[in-house]
């Protein structure tokens, strides 16, 4: 049985892709904690290939439900790496919702890519990588990918590392179902 985090994200993606107003999903939104939290919504093809992922580690709305609606719609329509999701794709997409805990500054020795996501920062540049991602098996790989996302040169070791945990909610059926 899918939880309300996943149900809300699915409905938000469906409505966004169909060009509908996200209204009408108030009861799902109101069933979630009424607190601001960073969230990430990830869309994958049933083959496992990434189709969209958008999120915020610092919340920009007043509730976790609003944050999920915003990020689910963005993952479907605004991820710059992909064209917008088309209605015919919904039956081939799965969804996951990550609720982020507060990031904390840490050292390299404090990292574990299976347990912690990371943020690297240097001046105005920053990059984020969620935890427990396929193909990221070591701290060095996690740092390399995240530094690349931030535009920090590979040999530059002068940056701040923050780690965070997530509460992951995964859909059991395709979005179109």
Protein backbone atom coordinates (compact mmCIF):
# COMPACT_ATOMS: atom_id res chain seq x y z
CA UNK A 1 0.00 0.00 0.00
CA UNK A 2 1.47 3.33 -1.06
CA UNK A 3 1.66 6.07 1.52
CA UNK A 4 0.28 9.59 1.17
CA UNK A 5 3.70 11.08 0.26
CA UNK A 6 3.81 8.91 -2.88
CA UNK A 7 0.09 9.35 -3.63
CA UNK A 8 0.44 13.15 -3.46
CA UNK A 9 3.52 13.15 -5.71
CA UNK A 10 1.79 10.90 -8.27
CA UNK A 11 -1.31 13.10 -8.39
CA UNK A 12 0.85 16.23 -8.72
CA UNK A 13 2.77 14.70 -11.64
CA UNK A 14 -0.44 13.54 -13.34
CA UNK A 15 -2.06 16.97 -13.01
CA UNK A 16 1.09 18.79 -14.17
CA UNK A 17 1.54 16.56 -17.21
CA UNK A 18 -2.15 16.86 -18.15
CA UNK A 19 -1.97 20.66 -17.76
CA UNK A 20 -4.44 20.68 -14.87
CA UNK A 21 -4.44 22.81 -11.75
CA UNK A 22 -2.99 20.92 -8.75
CA UNK A 23 -6.13 21.74 -6.78
CA UNK A 24 -8.28 18.81 -5.72
CA UNK A 25 -5.43 17.06 -3.94
CA UNK A 26 -5.85 19.12 -0.77
CA UNK A 27 -6.90 16.15 1.37
CA UNK A 28 -3.70 14.28 0.51
CA UNK A 29 -1.59 17.36 1.22
CA UNK A 30 -3.36 17.95 4.51
CA UNK A 31 -2.74 14.34 5.59
CA UNK A 32 1.01 15.08 5.76
CA UNK A 33 2.86 16.91 8.54
CA UNK A 34 2.26 20.66 8.44
CA UNK A 35 5.94 21.60 8.59
CA UNK A 36 8.41 22.91 6.04
CA UNK A 37 10.89 20.24 4.85
CA UNK A 38 13.20 19.87 1.91
CA UNK A 39 12.06 17.19 -0.52
CA UNK A 40 13.24 15.54 -3.71
CA UNK A 41 10.96 13.79 -6.19
CA UNK A 42 12.55 11.31 -8.57
CA UNK A 43 10.92 9.88 -11.69
CA UNK A 44 12.35 6.74 -13.28
CA UNK A 45 11.33 4.67 -16.25
CA UNK A 46 10.29 1.15 -15.27
CA UNK A 47 13.59 0.06 -16.86
CA UNK A 48 15.32 1.98 -14.04
CA UNK A 49 16.55 4.88 -16.19
CA UNK A 50 16.27 8.36 -14.64
CA UNK A 51 13.50 10.48 -16.21
CA UNK A 52 13.46 13.50 -13.91
CA UNK A 53 14.50 14.63 -10.46
CA UNK A 54 13.96 17.96 -8.77
CA UNK A 55 14.08 19.07 -5.20
CA UNK A 56 14.99 21.49 -2.50
CA UNK A 57 17.17 20.87 0.52
CA UNK A 58 16.01 24.14 2.05
CA UNK A 59 12.21 24.31 1.86
CA UNK A 60 10.69 27.14 -0.17
CA UNK A 61 7.06 26.50 0.82
CA UNK A 62 5.28 26.34 4.15
CA UNK A 63 4.56 22.60 4.27
CA UNK A 64 6.01 19.29 3.18
CA UNK A 65 2.89 18.69 1.06
CA UNK A 66 3.33 21.95 -0.87
CA UNK A 67 7.03 21.14 -1.33
CA UNK A 68 6.17 17.71 -2.79
CA UNK A 69 3.60 19.20 -5.19
CA UNK A 70 6.11 21.82 -6.35
CA UNK A 71 8.99 19.38 -6.81
CA UNK A 72 6.87 16.64 -8.41
CA UNK A 73 5.58 19.07 -11.03
CA UNK A 74 9.11 20.37 -11.63
CA UNK A 75 10.54 16.84 -11.96
CA UNK A 76 7.95 16.06 -14.64
CA UNK A 77 8.10 19.32 -16.60
CA UNK A 78 11.21 21.35 -15.75
CA UNK A 79 14.25 19.07 -15.27
CA UNK A 80 16.66 20.69 -17.75
CA UNK A 81 18.23 17.31 -18.58
CA UNK A 82 15.02 15.94 -20.12
CA UNK A 83 12.08 17.06 -22.25
CA UNK A 84 8.79 17.44 -20.35
CA UNK A 85 7.00 14.18 -19.55
CA UNK A 86 4.18 13.42 -21.97
CA UNK A 87 0.84 11.88 -20.87
CA UNK A 88 1.63 8.62 -22.71
CA UNK A 89 4.73 8.10 -20.55
CA UNK A 90 2.94 8.04 -17.19
CA UNK A 91 2.26 4.30 -17.29
CA UNK A 92 6.01 3.66 -17.69
CA UNK A 93 7.22 5.86 -14.82
CA UNK A 94 7.81 5.08 -11.17
CA UNK A 95 8.21 7.70 -8.46
CA UNK A 96 10.04 8.15 -5.19
CA UNK A 97 9.87 10.95 -2.65
CA UNK A 98 12.76 11.78 -0.33
CA UNK A 99 12.08 13.88 2.76
CA UNK A 100 15.33 15.50 3.87
CA UNK A 101 16.62 15.94 7.38
CA UNK A 102 18.65 19.03 8.29
CA UNK A 103 22.16 18.96 6.71
CA UNK A 104 25.15 19.08 9.06
CA UNK A 105 28.75 20.04 8.34
CA UNK A 106 31.01 17.00 8.47
CA UNK A 107 34.37 15.56 7.44
CA UNK A 108 35.07 13.03 4.69
CA UNK A 109 35.46 10.31 7.35
CA UNK A 110 31.85 10.89 8.47
CA UNK A 111 30.36 9.95 5.08
CA UNK A 112 28.61 6.77 3.99
CA UNK A 113 27.02 6.94 0.51
CA UNK A 114 24.42 4.30 1.42
CA UNK A 115 23.18 6.24 4.45
CA UNK A 116 23.91 9.94 3.81
CA UNK A 117 23.33 12.32 0.96
CA UNK A 118 25.86 15.11 0.65
CA UNK A 119 26.11 18.75 -0.27
CA UNK A 120 29.45 20.26 -1.27
CA UNK A 121 29.91 24.02 -1.23
CA UNK A 122 32.66 26.36 -2.30
CA UNK A 123 31.76 30.03 -2.39
CA UNK A 124 28.57 30.42 -4.45
CA UNK A 125 28.91 26.92 -5.95
CA UNK A 126 27.12 23.94 -4.51
CA UNK A 127 26.11 20.45 -5.54
CA UNK A 128 23.86 17.83 -3.93
CA UNK A 129 23.67 14.07 -4.25
CA UNK A 130 21.01 11.91 -2.61
CA UNK A 131 22.04 8.78 -0.68
CA UNK A 132 21.83 5.16 -1.76
CA UNK A 133 22.12 5.74 -5.51
CA UNK A 134 22.90 2.99 -7.98
CA UNK A 135 26.50 3.25 -9.19
CA UNK A 136 27.72 5.31 -6.22
CA UNK A 137 29.51 2.74 -4.08
CA UNK A 138 32.24 4.73 -2.30
CA UNK A 139 32.77 8.04 -0.56
CA UNK A 140 35.25 9.02 -3.28
CA UNK A 141 32.67 8.41 -6.04
CA UNK A 142 30.05 10.33 -4.08
CA UNK A 143 32.39 13.31 -3.63
CA UNK A 144 33.58 13.22 -7.25
CA UNK A 145 30.04 13.29 -8.68
CA UNK A 146 28.86 15.98 -6.27
CA UNK A 147 31.89 18.21 -6.87
CA UNK A 148 31.32 17.86 -10.62
CA UNK A 149 27.68 18.92 -10.17
CA UNK A 150 28.92 21.98 -8.26
CA UNK A 151 31.54 22.85 -10.86
CA UNK A 152 34.38 22.32 -8.39
CA UNK A 153 37.55 21.02 -10.10
CA UNK A 154 38.42 17.38 -9.25
CA UNK A 155 41.79 18.30 -7.68
CA UNK A 156 40.33 21.10 -5.51
CA UNK A 157 40.11 19.89 -1.91
CA UNK A 158 39.10 23.21 -0.37
CA UNK A 159 35.31 22.89 0.01
CA UNK A 160 32.69 22.37 2.72
CA UNK A 161 30.92 19.01 3.04
CA UNK A 162 27.48 18.65 4.59
CA UNK A 163 25.70 15.35 5.06
CA UNK A 164 22.02 14.61 5.51
CA UNK A 165 19.73 11.64 5.91
CA UNK A 166 16.48 11.08 4.03
CA UNK A 167 13.22 9.33 4.67
CA UNK A 168 12.53 7.61 1.32
CA UNK A 169 9.02 6.79 0.12
CA UNK A 170 8.80 4.68 -3.03
CA UNK A 171 5.87 4.04 -5.32
CA UNK A 172 4.80 0.43 -5.85
CA UNK A 173 3.00 0.97 -9.17
CA UNK A 174 3.59 3.20 -12.20
CA UNK A 175 2.36 6.81 -11.98
CA UNK A 176 -0.39 6.19 -14.53
CA UNK A 177 -2.01 3.52 -12.33
